[in-house]
Amino acid sequence: NGEELERILMQLIPTLMSPTAPSFI
């Protein structure tokens, strides 16, 4: 569902970017 999609993306995206990227905006 949407809640799981958002949670996974917000965990996944920062790990693919630089370590200093914010975890949620």
PDB file of all heavy atoms in Angstrom:
ATOM      1  N   ASN A   1       0.841  -1.194   0.000  1.00  0.00           N
ATOM      2  CA  ASN A   1       0.000   0.000   0.000  1.00  0.00           C
ATOM      3  C   ASN A   1       0.877   1.245   0.000  1.00  0.00           C
ATOM      4  O   ASN A   1       2.109   1.158   0.024  1.00  0.00           O
ATOM      5  CB  ASN A   1      -0.930  -0.015   1.213  1.00  0.00           C
ATOM      6  CG  ASN A   1      -0.169  -0.229   2.514  1.00  0.00           C
ATOM      7  OD1 ASN A   1       0.859   0.392   2.764  1.00  0.00           O
ATOM      8  ND2 ASN A   1      -0.662  -1.123   3.362  1.00  0.00           N
ATOM      9  N   GLY A   2       0.226   2.401  -0.032  1.00  0.00           N
ATOM     10  CA  GLY A   2       0.958   3.645  -0.104  1.00  0.00           C
ATOM     11  C   GLY A   2       1.896   3.879   1.063  1.00  0.00           C
ATOM     12  O   GLY A   2       2.996   4.406   0.900  1.00  0.00           O
ATOM     13  N   GLU A   3       1.462   3.484   2.243  1.00  0.00           N
ATOM     14  CA  GLU A   3       2.303   3.675   3.426  1.00  0.00           C
ATOM     15  C   GLU A   3       3.601   2.883   3.317  1.00  0.00           C
ATOM     16  O   GLU A   3       4.684   3.399   3.624  1.00  0.00           O
ATOM     17  CB  GLU A   3       1.533   3.253   4.681  1.00  0.00           C
ATOM     18  CG  GLU A   3       2.295   3.504   5.972  1.00  0.00           C
ATOM     19  CD  GLU A   3       1.482   3.174   7.212  1.00  0.00           C
ATOM     20  OE1 GLU A   3       0.319   2.725   7.059  1.00  0.00           O
ATOM     21  OE2 GLU A   3       1.999   3.376   8.317  1.00  0.00           O
ATOM     22  N   GLU A   4       3.519   1.632   2.858  1.00  0.00           N
ATOM     23  CA  GLU A   4       4.718   0.816   2.690  1.00  0.00           C
ATOM     24  C   GLU A   4       5.593   1.352   1.564  1.00  0.00           C
ATOM     25  O   GLU A   4       6.823   1.356   1.669  1.00  0.00           O
ATOM     26  CB  GLU A   4       4.340  -0.642   2.417  1.00  0.00           C
ATOM     27  CG  GLU A   4       3.756  -1.351   3.622  1.00  0.00           C
ATOM     28  CD  GLU A   4       3.498  -2.824   3.358  1.00  0.00           C
ATOM     29  OE1 GLU A   4       3.796  -3.304   2.244  1.00  0.00           O
ATOM     30  OE2 GLU A   4       2.989  -3.499   4.271  1.00  0.00           O
ATOM     31  N   LEU A   5       4.976   1.803   0.479  1.00  0.00           N
ATOM     32  CA  LEU A   5       5.748   2.371  -0.627  1.00  0.00           C
ATOM     33  C   LEU A   5       6.554   3.568  -0.145  1.00  0.00           C
ATOM     34  O   LEU A   5       7.757   3.680  -0.429  1.00  0.00           O
ATOM     35  CB  LEU A   5       4.810   2.766  -1.764  1.00  0.00           C
ATOM     36  CG  LEU A   5       5.445   3.356  -3.030  1.00  0.00           C
ATOM     37  CD1 LEU A   5       4.617   2.996  -4.262  1.00  0.00           C
ATOM     38  CD2 LEU A   5       5.582   4.885  -2.940  1.00  0.00           C
ATOM     39  N   GLU A   6       5.928   4.466   0.590  1.00  0.00           N
ATOM     40  CA  GLU A   6       6.624   5.646   1.087  1.00  0.00           C
ATOM     41  C   GLU A   6       7.754   5.261   2.040  1.00  0.00           C
ATOM     42  O   GLU A   6       8.877   5.781   1.936  1.00  0.00           O
ATOM     43  CB  GLU A   6       5.647   6.576   1.805  1.00  0.00           C
ATOM     44  CG  GLU A   6       6.322   7.830   2.349  1.00  0.00           C
ATOM     45  CD  GLU A   6       5.391   8.725   3.141  1.00  0.00           C
ATOM     46  OE1 GLU A   6       4.379   8.214   3.689  1.00  0.00           O
ATOM     47  OE2 GLU A   6       5.676   9.935   3.224  1.00  0.00           O
ATOM     48  N   ARG A   7       7.478   4.337   2.947  1.00  0.00           N
ATOM     49  CA  ARG A   7       8.494   3.948   3.922  1.00  0.00           C
ATOM     50  C   ARG A   7       9.715   3.345   3.235  1.00  0.00           C
ATOM     51  O   ARG A   7      10.860   3.702   3.556  1.00  0.00           O
ATOM     52  CB  ARG A   7       7.908   2.937   4.915  1.00  0.00           C
ATOM     53  CG  ARG A   7       8.937   2.376   5.899  1.00  0.00           C
ATOM     54  CD  ARG A   7       8.288   1.457   6.907  1.00  0.00           C
ATOM     55  NE  ARG A   7       7.506   0.410   6.284  1.00  0.00           N
ATOM     56  CZ  ARG A   7       8.033  -0.698   5.749  1.00  0.00           C
ATOM     57  NH1 ARG A   7       9.353  -0.877   5.751  1.00  0.00           N
ATOM     58  NH2 ARG A   7       7.255  -1.622   5.224  1.00  0.00           N
ATOM     59  N   ILE A   8       9.491   2.466   2.271  1.00  0.00           N
ATOM     60  CA  ILE A   8      10.612   1.822   1.578  1.00  0.00           C
ATOM     61  C   ILE A   8      11.426   2.846   0.799  1.00  0.00           C
ATOM     62  O   ILE A   8      12.660   2.853   0.852  1.00  0.00           O
ATOM     63  CB  ILE A   8      10.102   0.700   0.658  1.00  0.00           C
ATOM     64  CG1 ILE A   8       9.524  -0.443   1.486  1.00  0.00           C
ATOM     65  CG2 ILE A   8      11.230   0.173  -0.232  1.00  0.00           C
ATOM     66  CD1 ILE A   8       8.759  -1.472   0.667  1.00  0.00           C
ATOM     67  N   LEU A   9      10.741   3.727   0.070  1.00  0.00           N
ATOM     68  CA  LEU A   9      11.455   4.730  -0.713  1.00  0.00           C
ATOM     69  C   LEU A   9      12.268   5.661   0.171  1.00  0.00           C
ATOM     70  O   LEU A   9      13.421   5.986  -0.147  1.00  0.00           O
ATOM     71  CB  LEU A   9      10.470   5.545  -1.549  1.00  0.00           C
ATOM     72  CG  LEU A   9      10.019   4.964  -2.883  1.00  0.00           C
ATOM     73  CD1 LEU A   9       9.088   5.939  -3.596  1.00  0.00           C
ATOM     74  CD2 LEU A   9      11.206   4.623  -3.782  1.00  0.00           C
ATOM     75  N   MET A  10      11.683   6.085   1.287  1.00  0.00           N
ATOM     76  CA  MET A  10      12.383   7.028   2.154  1.00  0.00           C
ATOM     77  C   MET A  10      13.549   6.389   2.902  1.00  0.00           C
ATOM     78  O   MET A  10      14.429   7.081   3.413  1.00  0.00           O
ATOM     79  CB  MET A  10      11.396   7.665   3.137  1.00  0.00           C
ATOM     80  CG  MET A  10      10.382   8.595   2.489  1.00  0.00           C
ATOM     81  SD  MET A  10      11.139   9.939   1.510  1.00  0.00           S
ATOM     82  CE  MET A  10      10.931   9.288  -0.168  1.00  0.00           C
ATOM     83  N   GLN A  11      13.559   5.061   2.975  1.00  0.00           N
ATOM     84  CA  GLN A  11      14.721   4.355   3.514  1.00  0.00           C
ATOM     85  C   GLN A  11      15.756   4.086   2.431  1.00  0.00           C
ATOM     86  O   GLN A  11      16.961   4.150   2.667  1.00  0.00           O
ATOM     87  CB  GLN A  11      14.280   3.028   4.143  1.00  0.00           C
ATOM     88  CG  GLN A  11      13.453   3.181   5.409  1.00  0.00           C
ATOM     89  CD  GLN A  11      12.914   1.861   5.920  1.00  0.00           C
ATOM     90  OE1 GLN A  11      12.940   0.845   5.215  1.00  0.00           O
ATOM     91  NE2 GLN A  11      12.386   1.865   7.129  1.00  0.00           N
ATOM     92  N   LEU A  12      15.263   3.823   1.225  1.00  0.00           N
ATOM     93  CA  LEU A  12      16.142   3.399   0.137  1.00  0.00           C
ATOM     94  C   LEU A  12      16.876   4.553  -0.522  1.00  0.00           C
ATOM     95  O   LEU A  12      18.090   4.468  -0.780  1.00  0.00           O
ATOM     96  CB  LEU A  12      15.314   2.634  -0.907  1.00  0.00           C
ATOM     97  CG  LEU A  12      16.054   2.001  -2.091  1.00  0.00           C
ATOM     98  CD1 LEU A  12      17.118   1.027  -1.604  1.00  0.00           C
ATOM     99  CD2 LEU A  12      15.048   1.302  -3.001  1.00  0.00           C
ATOM    100  N   ILE A  13      16.171   5.646  -0.803  1.00  0.00           N
ATOM    101  CA  ILE A  13      16.768   6.749  -1.556  1.00  0.00           C
ATOM    102  C   ILE A  13      18.020   7.314  -0.886  1.00  0.00           C
ATOM    103  O   ILE A  13      19.058   7.470  -1.546  1.00  0.00           O
ATOM    104  CB  ILE A  13      15.726   7.863  -1.810  1.00  0.00           C
ATOM    105  CG1 ILE A  13      14.673   7.366  -2.803  1.00  0.00           C
ATOM    106  CG2 ILE A  13      16.398   9.125  -2.347  1.00  0.00           C
ATOM    107  CD1 ILE A  13      13.479   8.294  -2.952  1.00  0.00           C
ATOM    108  N   PRO A  14      18.006   7.635   0.429  1.00  0.00           N
ATOM    109  CA  PRO A  14      19.218   8.185   1.046  1.00  0.00           C
ATOM    110  C   PRO A  14      20.412   7.233   0.987  1.00  0.00           C
ATOM    111  O   PRO A  14      21.562   7.690   0.896  1.00  0.00           O
ATOM    112  CB  PRO A  14      18.785   8.436   2.501  1.00  0.00           C
ATOM    113  CG  PRO A  14      17.313   8.617   2.415  1.00  0.00           C
ATOM    114  CD  PRO A  14      16.864   7.649   1.360  1.00  0.00           C
ATOM    115  N   THR A  15      20.161   5.919   1.021  1.00  0.00           N
ATOM    116  CA  THR A  15      21.283   4.972   0.952  1.00  0.00           C
ATOM    117  C   THR A  15      21.918   4.950  -0.426  1.00  0.00           C
ATOM    118  O   THR A  15      23.082   4.547  -0.562  1.00  0.00           O
ATOM    119  CB  THR A  15      20.818   3.548   1.310  1.00  0.00           C
ATOM    120  OG1 THR A  15      19.935   3.053   0.287  1.00  0.00           O
ATOM    121  CG2 THR A  15      20.092   3.518   2.642  1.00  0.00           C
ATOM    122  N   LEU A  16      21.173   5.358  -1.442  1.00  0.00           N
ATOM    123  CA  LEU A  16      21.721   5.398  -2.797  1.00  0.00           C
ATOM    124  C   LEU A  16      22.396   6.727  -3.102  1.00  0.00           C
ATOM    125  O   LEU A  16      23.132   6.839  -4.079  1.00  0.00           O
ATOM    126  CB  LEU A  16      20.606   5.139  -3.821  1.00  0.00           C
ATOM    127  CG  LEU A  16      19.887   3.800  -3.696  1.00  0.00           C
ATOM    128  CD1 LEU A  16      18.798   3.681  -4.758  1.00  0.00           C
ATOM    129  CD2 LEU A  16      20.863   2.640  -3.803  1.00  0.00           C
ATOM    130  N   MET A  17      22.114   7.724  -2.271  1.00  0.00           N
ATOM    131  CA  MET A  17      22.741   9.030  -2.421  1.00  0.00           C
ATOM    132  C   MET A  17      23.931   9.126  -1.472  1.00  0.00           C
ATOM    133  O   MET A  17      24.384   8.135  -0.915  1.00  0.00           O
ATOM    134  CB  MET A  17      21.713  10.130  -2.151  1.00  0.00           C
ATOM    135  CG  MET A  17      20.604  10.196  -3.191  1.00  0.00           C
ATOM    136  SD  MET A  17      19.424  11.536  -2.847  1.00  0.00           S
ATOM    137  CE  MET A  17      18.591  11.642  -4.426  1.00  0.00           C
ATOM    138  N   SER A  18      24.424  10.304  -1.276  1.00  0.00           N
ATOM    139  CA  SER A  18      25.571  10.479  -0.387  1.00  0.00           C
ATOM    140  C   SER A  18      25.159  10.244   1.057  1.00  0.00           C
ATOM    141  O   SER A  18      24.002  10.439   1.429  1.00  0.00           O
ATOM    142  CB  SER A  18      26.134  11.891  -0.537  1.00  0.00           C
ATOM    143  OG  SER A  18      25.235  12.837  -0.005  1.00  0.00           O
ATOM    144  N   PRO A  19      26.082   9.812   1.893  1.00  0.00           N
ATOM    145  CA  PRO A  19      25.760   9.565   3.309  1.00  0.00           C
ATOM    146  C   PRO A  19      25.234  10.795   4.027  1.00  0.00           C
ATOM    147  O   PRO A  19      24.571  10.678   5.055  1.00  0.00           O
ATOM    148  CB  PRO A  19      27.104   9.121   3.904  1.00  0.00           C
ATOM    149  CG  PRO A  19      27.909   8.645   2.732  1.00  0.00           C
ATOM    150  CD  PRO A  19      27.480   9.505   1.581  1.00  0.00           C
ATOM    151  N   THR A  20      25.506  11.985   3.498  1.00  0.00           N
ATOM    152  CA  THR A  20      25.068  13.215   4.163  1.00  0.00           C
ATOM    153  C   THR A  20      23.683  13.654   3.715  1.00  0.00           C
ATOM    154  O   THR A  20      23.159  14.656   4.212  1.00  0.00           O
ATOM    155  CB  THR A  20      26.054  14.360   3.874  1.00  0.00           C
ATOM    156  OG1 THR A  20      26.139  14.555   2.444  1.00  0.00           O
ATOM    157  CG2 THR A  20      27.433  14.017   4.426  1.00  0.00           C
ATOM    158  N   ALA A  21      23.065  12.905   2.767  1.00  0.00           N
ATOM    159  CA  ALA A  21      21.734  13.299   2.297  1.00  0.00           C
ATOM    160  C   ALA A  21      20.728  13.151   3.418  1.00  0.00           C
ATOM    161  O   ALA A  21      20.791  12.221   4.215  1.00  0.00           O
ATOM    162  CB  ALA A  21      21.323  12.422   1.117  1.00  0.00           C
ATOM    163  N   PRO A  22      19.765  14.050   3.533  1.00  0.00           N
ATOM    164  CA  PRO A  22      18.739  13.932   4.587  1.00  0.00           C
ATOM    165  C   PRO A  22      17.896  12.690   4.369  1.00  0.00           C
ATOM    166  O   PRO A  22      17.647  12.274   3.246  1.00  0.00           O
ATOM    167  CB  PRO A  22      17.902  15.203   4.403  1.00  0.00           C
ATOM    168  CG  PRO A  22      18.145  15.621   2.989  1.00  0.00           C
ATOM    169  CD  PRO A  22      19.561  15.224   2.692  1.00  0.00           C
ATOM    170  N   SER A  23      17.457  12.076   5.462  1.00  0.00           N
ATOM    171  CA  SER A  23      16.715  10.815   5.368  1.00  0.00           C
ATOM    172  C   SER A  23      15.264  11.035   4.995  1.00  0.00           C
ATOM    173  O   SER A  23      14.607  10.140   4.496  1.00  0.00           O
ATOM    174  CB  SER A  23      16.785  10.079   6.710  1.00  0.00           C
ATOM    175  OG  SER A  23      16.231  10.874   7.744  1.00  0.00           O
ATOM    176  N   PHE A  24      14.729  12.234   5.217  1.00  0.00           N
ATOM    177  CA  PHE A  24      13.326  12.476   4.869  1.00  0.00           C
ATOM    178  C   PHE A  24      13.082  13.970   4.714  1.00  0.00           C
ATOM    179  O   PHE A  24      13.455  14.757   5.555  1.00  0.00           O
ATOM    180  CB  PHE A  24      12.398  11.938   5.955  1.00  0.00           C
ATOM    181  CG  PHE A  24      10.939  12.076   5.594  1.00  0.00           C
ATOM    182  CD1 PHE A  24      10.308  11.089   4.860  1.00  0.00           C
ATOM    183  CD2 PHE A  24      10.222  13.195   5.965  1.00  0.00           C
ATOM    184  CE1 PHE A  24       8.967  11.216   4.525  1.00  0.00           C
ATOM    185  CE2 PHE A  24       8.889  13.329   5.627  1.00  0.00           C
ATOM    186  CZ  PHE A  24       8.256  12.340   4.910  1.00  0.00           C
ATOM    187  N   ILE A  25      12.464  14.319   3.597  1.00  0.00           N
ATOM    188  CA  ILE A  25      12.052  15.698   3.368  1.00  0.00           C
ATOM    189  C   ILE A  25      10.653  15.666   2.796  1.00  0.00           C
ATOM    190  O   ILE A  25      10.353  14.860   1.936  1.00  0.00           O
ATOM    191  CB  ILE A  25      12.993  16.422   2.371  1.00  0.00           C
ATOM    192  CG1 ILE A  25      14.417  16.500   2.926  1.00  0.00           C
ATOM    193  CG2 ILE A  25      12.471  17.809   2.031  1.00  0.00           C
ATOM    194  CD1 ILE A  25      15.403  17.148   1.976  1.00  0.00           C
TER     195      ILE A  25
END
